[in-house]
Amino acid sequence: MTGSLQHLPGEMLDHIASHLDVRDQSNASKTSSAIWFAFSRRLHTSIAFKGNRQQVTAMLLNFLANNNTPRIQEIKKHARSVSFIILADTIDNHHQEDDGLTPSLILSAVHKFPRVFALGLEMNGLSSNERKALLIQAKTARRWTAVTHLRVDLPNPVFQRLLQTSLHGANIRAVDVNGDLKDRHLNLLGRYLPHIQKLRVRMRDPVLDCWKFTPKNVLQADQVCFRDFANLECLILAEGNPRSHIRHSSVRSEEGFVNNVQEFITSLKSMGNLRRLAIEFSTRILVWTVDQDL
């Protein structure tokens, strides 16, 4: 019974539990242990430390202080994805802690999850001094060689330093850039992670902006475009920071709207490994295309 319950989908366990009528106490104990193990494995698969700088610092201090407790050991055992999200809109610039505290806690916490393959780093809420401290500490931090999936929203210098140090040597196959895509972000990925297979990026208006990353619109010789990622199998262009009004200066007709997308798709024809291309955008864009008053 134990083996079969451990591998059942989590949503089935509630249904099974509602029909259990176990009279033998020893069997009940075994059943309870099996159900707890299955739930624990699923509940702790993805872990996130999210909040403003003060909240995340407190979470990390508590986590590291209780590192050897059974509950934390269980979390570390089953975790496959861990994220550190420091929200920028609630940062307190007058904190009294050492500027190196939060960065050092983050670097320490990452290494407590030996089986993690998906890592999220969204740390725009760090102060400028904390970012400098992170740059320095990353030089001597242990490498995150087990990471294969990366989700980032980082200042460019911090991201570059992590690619040069902690993430150097990691077999990263999938990247999700959570902030609005800039040329310098794509250049970093092209330089340090040219063999990625899945890439998700966000643009202000993906339908209008995608053509900027075609070869003929690249302004500098060393600037990277999507076509340069030869191993890319999946490319997703998503809308970042949706707004109430869409820009319309780049496209002045329905034909121009379609031509932008067609030009972008044509630029990807030489990518023999590409299997999926998705452009995600708000339905208000479709409303805009039929508005003749613009």
Protein backbone atom coordinates (compact mmCIF):
# COMPACT_ATOMS: atom_id res chain seq x y z
CA MET A 1 0.00 0.00 0.00
CA THR A 2 2.76 2.38 0.87
CA GLY A 3 4.43 2.18 -2.52
CA SER A 4 1.23 2.69 -4.49
CA LEU A 5 -0.01 5.66 -2.47
CA GLN A 6 3.29 7.50 -2.75
CA HIS A 7 2.95 7.73 -6.50
CA LEU A 8 -0.68 8.76 -6.77
CA PRO A 9 -1.56 12.27 -8.01
CA GLY A 10 -2.13 14.63 -5.11
CA GLU A 11 -5.74 15.43 -6.07
CA MET A 12 -6.68 11.74 -5.68
CA LEU A 13 -5.50 11.48 -2.09
CA ASP A 14 -8.39 13.51 -0.66
CA HIS A 15 -10.85 11.26 -2.45
CA ILE A 16 -9.11 8.14 -1.14
CA ALA A 17 -8.97 9.46 2.41
CA SER A 18 -12.70 10.17 2.41
CA HIS A 19 -13.43 6.47 1.79
CA LEU A 20 -10.93 4.94 4.22
CA ASP A 21 -12.39 2.86 7.00
CA VAL A 22 -9.35 1.27 8.60
CA ARG A 23 -10.04 -0.74 11.74
CA ASP A 24 -6.56 -2.10 12.35
CA GLN A 25 -4.49 0.60 14.10
CA SER A 26 -1.16 -0.58 12.69
CA ASN A 27 -2.53 -0.44 9.16
CA ALA A 28 -3.97 2.99 9.90
CA SER A 29 -0.55 4.22 10.94
CA LYS A 30 1.04 2.90 7.74
CA THR A 31 -1.70 4.45 5.63
CA SER A 32 -1.35 7.80 7.38
CA SER A 33 2.42 7.79 6.87
CA ALA A 34 2.05 7.00 3.18
CA ILE A 35 -0.50 9.76 2.63
CA TRP A 36 1.63 12.27 4.56
CA PHE A 37 4.70 11.38 2.51
CA ALA A 38 2.82 11.83 -0.77
CA PHE A 39 1.36 15.18 0.32
CA SER A 40 4.69 16.38 1.68
CA ARG A 41 6.46 15.57 -1.55
CA ARG A 42 3.98 17.64 -3.55
CA LEU A 43 3.51 20.53 -1.14
CA HIS A 44 7.25 21.15 -0.87
CA THR A 45 8.16 20.76 -4.53
CA SER A 46 8.22 24.53 -5.07
CA ILE A 47 9.44 26.98 -2.41
CA ALA A 48 9.42 30.78 -2.59
CA PHE A 49 10.87 33.44 -0.29
CA LYS A 50 8.80 36.43 -1.35
CA GLY A 51 8.25 39.88 0.13
CA ASN A 52 10.04 43.15 0.69
CA ARG A 53 13.67 43.16 1.78
CA GLN A 54 12.86 43.02 5.49
CA GLN A 55 10.36 40.18 5.08
CA VAL A 56 12.65 38.05 2.94
CA THR A 57 15.57 38.62 5.32
CA ALA A 58 13.42 37.47 8.25
CA MET A 59 12.27 34.39 6.31
CA LEU A 60 15.82 33.43 5.43
CA LEU A 61 17.09 33.92 8.98
CA ASN A 62 14.30 31.70 10.29
CA PHE A 63 14.91 29.09 7.60
CA LEU A 64 18.65 28.89 8.23
CA ALA A 65 18.21 28.92 12.02
CA ASN A 66 15.94 25.87 11.78
CA ASN A 67 17.97 24.13 9.09
CA ASN A 68 18.29 20.87 11.03
CA THR A 69 14.68 20.51 12.15
CA PRO A 70 12.63 17.62 10.68
CA ARG A 71 10.26 19.99 8.88
CA ILE A 72 13.03 21.92 7.12
CA GLN A 73 14.83 18.68 6.30
CA GLU A 74 11.62 17.43 4.68
CA ILE A 75 11.27 20.64 2.66
CA LYS A 76 14.87 20.47 1.43
CA LYS A 77 14.49 16.82 0.53
CA HIS A 78 11.53 17.36 -1.80
CA ALA A 79 12.16 20.86 -3.15
CA ARG A 80 12.86 21.01 -6.89
CA SER A 81 12.21 24.72 -7.41
CA VAL A 82 13.19 27.64 -5.18
CA SER A 83 12.63 31.35 -5.76
CA PHE A 84 13.92 34.49 -4.06
CA ILE A 85 11.62 37.41 -4.85
CA ILE A 86 12.36 40.79 -3.27
CA LEU A 87 9.70 43.30 -4.23
CA ALA A 88 11.03 46.67 -5.30
CA ASP A 89 7.93 48.74 -4.56
CA THR A 90 8.13 48.20 -0.80
CA ILE A 91 11.87 48.61 -0.23
CA ASP A 92 12.93 50.43 2.92
CA ASN A 93 15.99 52.52 2.10
CA HIS A 94 16.59 53.35 5.76
CA HIS A 95 17.22 49.85 7.08
CA GLN A 96 19.90 49.42 9.71
CA GLU A 97 21.22 45.97 8.80
CA ASP A 98 24.56 45.39 7.16
CA ASP A 99 24.28 45.73 3.38
CA GLY A 100 25.83 42.30 2.92
CA LEU A 101 23.33 40.48 5.14
CA THR A 102 20.49 39.76 2.73
CA PRO A 103 22.75 38.82 -0.22
CA SER A 104 24.76 36.44 1.97
CA LEU A 105 21.57 34.83 3.29
CA ILE A 106 20.32 34.27 -0.26
CA LEU A 107 23.59 32.69 -1.38
CA SER A 108 23.66 30.49 1.73
CA ALA A 109 20.04 29.39 1.33
CA VAL A 110 20.49 28.30 -2.29
CA HIS A 111 23.03 25.67 -1.23
CA LYS A 112 20.62 24.17 1.29
CA PHE A 113 18.58 22.79 -1.62
CA PRO A 114 20.87 20.21 -3.28
CA ARG A 115 18.14 18.79 -5.52
CA VAL A 116 16.81 22.06 -6.89
CA PHE A 117 16.96 22.36 -10.68
CA ALA A 118 14.73 25.45 -11.10
CA LEU A 119 16.00 28.71 -9.58
CA GLY A 120 14.14 32.02 -9.49
CA LEU A 121 16.04 35.25 -8.78
CA GLU A 122 13.96 38.43 -8.78
CA MET A 123 15.86 40.86 -6.61
CA ASN A 124 15.18 44.35 -7.86
CA GLY A 125 14.13 45.20 -4.31
CA LEU A 126 17.74 45.19 -3.14
CA SER A 127 19.30 48.57 -2.48
CA SER A 128 22.25 49.72 -4.59
CA ASN A 129 24.67 48.90 -1.76
CA GLU A 130 23.18 45.43 -1.37
CA ARG A 131 23.60 44.83 -5.10
CA LYS A 132 27.25 45.80 -4.82
CA ALA A 133 27.62 43.40 -1.89
CA LEU A 134 26.03 40.63 -3.94
CA LEU A 135 28.47 41.29 -6.78
CA ILE A 136 31.39 40.89 -4.39
CA GLN A 137 30.04 37.83 -2.57
CA ALA A 138 29.18 36.02 -5.81
CA LYS A 139 32.89 35.86 -6.67
CA THR A 140 33.57 33.36 -3.89
CA ALA A 141 30.18 31.66 -3.67
CA ARG A 142 29.83 27.99 -4.53
CA ARG A 143 28.55 27.23 -8.00
CA TRP A 144 24.96 26.22 -8.69
CA THR A 145 25.81 23.45 -11.13
CA ALA A 146 22.52 21.55 -10.65
CA VAL A 147 20.39 24.40 -12.03
CA THR A 148 18.83 23.73 -15.44
CA HIS A 149 15.90 26.20 -15.36
CA LEU A 150 16.43 29.87 -14.53
CA ARG A 151 13.91 32.67 -13.96
CA VAL A 152 15.44 36.11 -13.50
CA ASP A 153 14.54 39.74 -13.02
CA LEU A 154 17.86 41.27 -12.08
CA PRO A 155 19.86 44.40 -12.79
CA ASN A 156 22.16 43.65 -15.70
CA PRO A 157 25.49 43.86 -13.76
CA VAL A 158 24.19 41.45 -11.11
CA PHE A 159 22.91 38.99 -13.71
CA GLN A 160 26.20 39.10 -15.59
CA ARG A 161 28.24 38.49 -12.43
CA LEU A 162 26.10 35.49 -11.49
CA LEU A 163 26.50 34.05 -15.00
CA GLN A 164 30.27 34.47 -14.65
CA THR A 165 30.48 32.95 -11.17
CA SER A 166 27.72 31.02 -9.41
CA LEU A 167 25.99 29.85 -12.61
CA HIS A 168 29.20 29.19 -14.53
CA GLY A 169 29.26 25.56 -15.63
CA ALA A 170 25.55 24.95 -15.00
CA ASN A 171 23.72 23.12 -17.79
CA ILE A 172 20.94 25.69 -18.10
CA ARG A 173 18.36 24.67 -20.72
CA ALA A 174 15.48 27.06 -20.00
CA VAL A 175 15.46 30.77 -19.14
CA ASP A 176 12.54 33.04 -18.22
CA VAL A 177 13.42 36.75 -18.28
CA ASN A 178 10.78 38.32 -16.07
CA GLY A 179 11.53 42.00 -16.69
CA ASP A 180 10.96 43.88 -19.95
CA LEU A 181 13.47 42.59 -22.49
CA LYS A 182 16.33 44.88 -23.46
CA ASP A 183 19.10 44.39 -26.02
CA ARG A 184 21.67 43.97 -23.27
CA HIS A 185 19.68 41.10 -21.69
CA LEU A 186 19.65 39.16 -24.94
CA ASN A 187 23.35 39.88 -25.46
CA LEU A 188 24.14 38.41 -22.04
CA LEU A 189 22.18 35.25 -22.78
CA GLY A 190 23.82 34.93 -26.18
CA ARG A 191 27.26 35.28 -24.64
CA TYR A 192 26.92 33.02 -21.60
CA LEU A 193 23.99 30.71 -22.43
CA PRO A 194 24.00 30.27 -26.23
CA HIS A 195 22.78 26.66 -26.05
CA ILE A 196 19.50 27.18 -24.19
CA GLN A 197 16.52 25.24 -25.52
CA LYS A 198 13.62 27.22 -24.07
CA LEU A 199 13.39 30.99 -23.74
CA ARG A 200 10.54 33.09 -22.38
CA VAL A 201 10.89 36.87 -22.47
CA ARG A 202 8.61 39.80 -21.77
CA MET A 203 8.18 42.89 -23.90
CA ARG A 204 6.17 46.05 -23.44
CA ASP A 205 4.03 45.12 -26.46
CA PRO A 206 5.26 41.83 -27.96
CA VAL A 207 3.37 42.12 -31.25
CA LEU A 208 4.82 45.58 -31.91
CA ASP A 209 8.30 44.98 -30.51
CA CYS A 210 9.21 41.51 -31.78
CA TRP A 211 10.46 42.83 -35.13
CA LYS A 212 13.15 44.84 -33.33
CA PHE A 213 14.98 41.59 -32.67
CA THR A 214 15.16 40.48 -36.30
CA PRO A 215 18.60 40.49 -38.01
CA LYS A 216 17.84 43.40 -40.32
CA ASN A 217 16.77 45.61 -37.41
CA VAL A 218 19.81 44.87 -35.25
CA LEU A 219 21.78 48.10 -35.10
CA GLN A 220 25.15 46.85 -33.87
CA ALA A 221 27.29 44.07 -35.29
CA ASP A 222 27.72 42.34 -31.92
CA GLN A 223 24.05 42.59 -30.95
CA VAL A 224 22.30 39.26 -30.49
CA CYS A 225 18.93 38.38 -32.01
CA PHE A 226 16.75 35.33 -31.40
CA ARG A 227 18.06 33.57 -34.51
CA ASP A 228 21.49 33.32 -32.89
CA PHE A 229 20.21 30.71 -30.40
CA ALA A 230 20.69 27.71 -32.69
CA ASN A 231 19.46 25.10 -30.17
CA LEU A 232 16.28 26.96 -29.25
CA GLU A 233 13.23 24.68 -29.34
CA CYS A 234 10.65 26.92 -27.69
CA LEU A 235 10.37 30.72 -27.82
CA ILE A 236 7.64 32.57 -25.92
CA LEU A 237 7.15 36.33 -26.17
CA ALA A 238 4.89 37.52 -23.37
CA GLU A 239 3.49 40.90 -22.44
CA GLY A 240 5.21 42.56 -19.52
CA ASN A 241 3.63 45.13 -17.22
CA PRO A 242 0.25 45.43 -19.03
CA ARG A 243 -0.98 49.00 -19.38
CA SER A 244 -4.35 50.52 -20.07
CA HIS A 245 -3.30 52.01 -23.41
CA ILE A 246 -1.20 50.42 -26.10
CA ARG A 247 1.35 52.30 -28.16
CA HIS A 248 0.30 52.76 -31.75
CA SER A 249 3.14 54.83 -33.18
CA SER A 250 4.92 51.79 -34.65
CA VAL A 251 1.94 50.31 -36.50
CA ARG A 252 -0.61 52.47 -38.26
CA SER A 253 -2.80 49.86 -39.93
CA GLU A 254 -4.06 46.31 -39.59
CA GLU A 255 -1.70 45.31 -42.41
CA GLY A 256 1.26 46.72 -40.52
CA PHE A 257 0.18 44.81 -37.44
CA VAL A 258 0.27 41.51 -39.36
CA ASN A 259 3.44 42.40 -41.25
CA ASN A 260 5.35 42.87 -38.01
CA VAL A 261 4.55 39.33 -36.94
CA GLN A 262 5.22 37.85 -40.38
CA GLU A 263 8.58 39.61 -40.59
CA PHE A 264 9.54 38.22 -37.22
CA ILE A 265 8.49 34.66 -38.11
CA THR A 266 10.39 34.85 -41.40
CA SER A 267 13.55 35.80 -39.52
CA LEU A 268 13.32 32.52 -37.57
CA LYS A 269 13.06 30.18 -40.57
CA SER A 270 16.70 29.17 -40.37
CA MET A 271 16.23 27.87 -36.81
CA GLY A 272 15.99 24.14 -37.51
CA ASN A 273 15.34 23.13 -33.89
CA LEU A 274 12.52 25.57 -33.17
CA ARG A 275 9.31 23.63 -32.48
CA ARG A 276 7.14 26.18 -30.72
CA LEU A 277 6.68 29.93 -31.08
CA ALA A 278 4.12 31.75 -28.95
CA ILE A 279 3.29 35.45 -28.77
CA GLU A 280 1.11 36.23 -25.75
CA PHE A 281 -0.71 39.55 -25.68
CA SER A 282 -3.77 41.19 -24.19
CA THR A 283 -7.04 41.15 -26.11
CA ARG A 284 -7.05 44.96 -26.02
CA ILE A 285 -4.52 44.81 -28.85
CA LEU A 286 -7.14 43.19 -31.06
CA VAL A 287 -9.62 45.88 -30.08
CA TRP A 288 -7.08 48.52 -31.06
CA THR A 289 -6.59 47.08 -34.56
CA VAL A 290 -10.19 47.80 -35.52
CA ASP A 291 -10.29 51.27 -34.00
CA GLN A 292 -10.23 53.54 -37.04
CA ASP A 293 -10.08 56.73 -34.96
CA LEU A 294 -6.43 56.29 -33.96
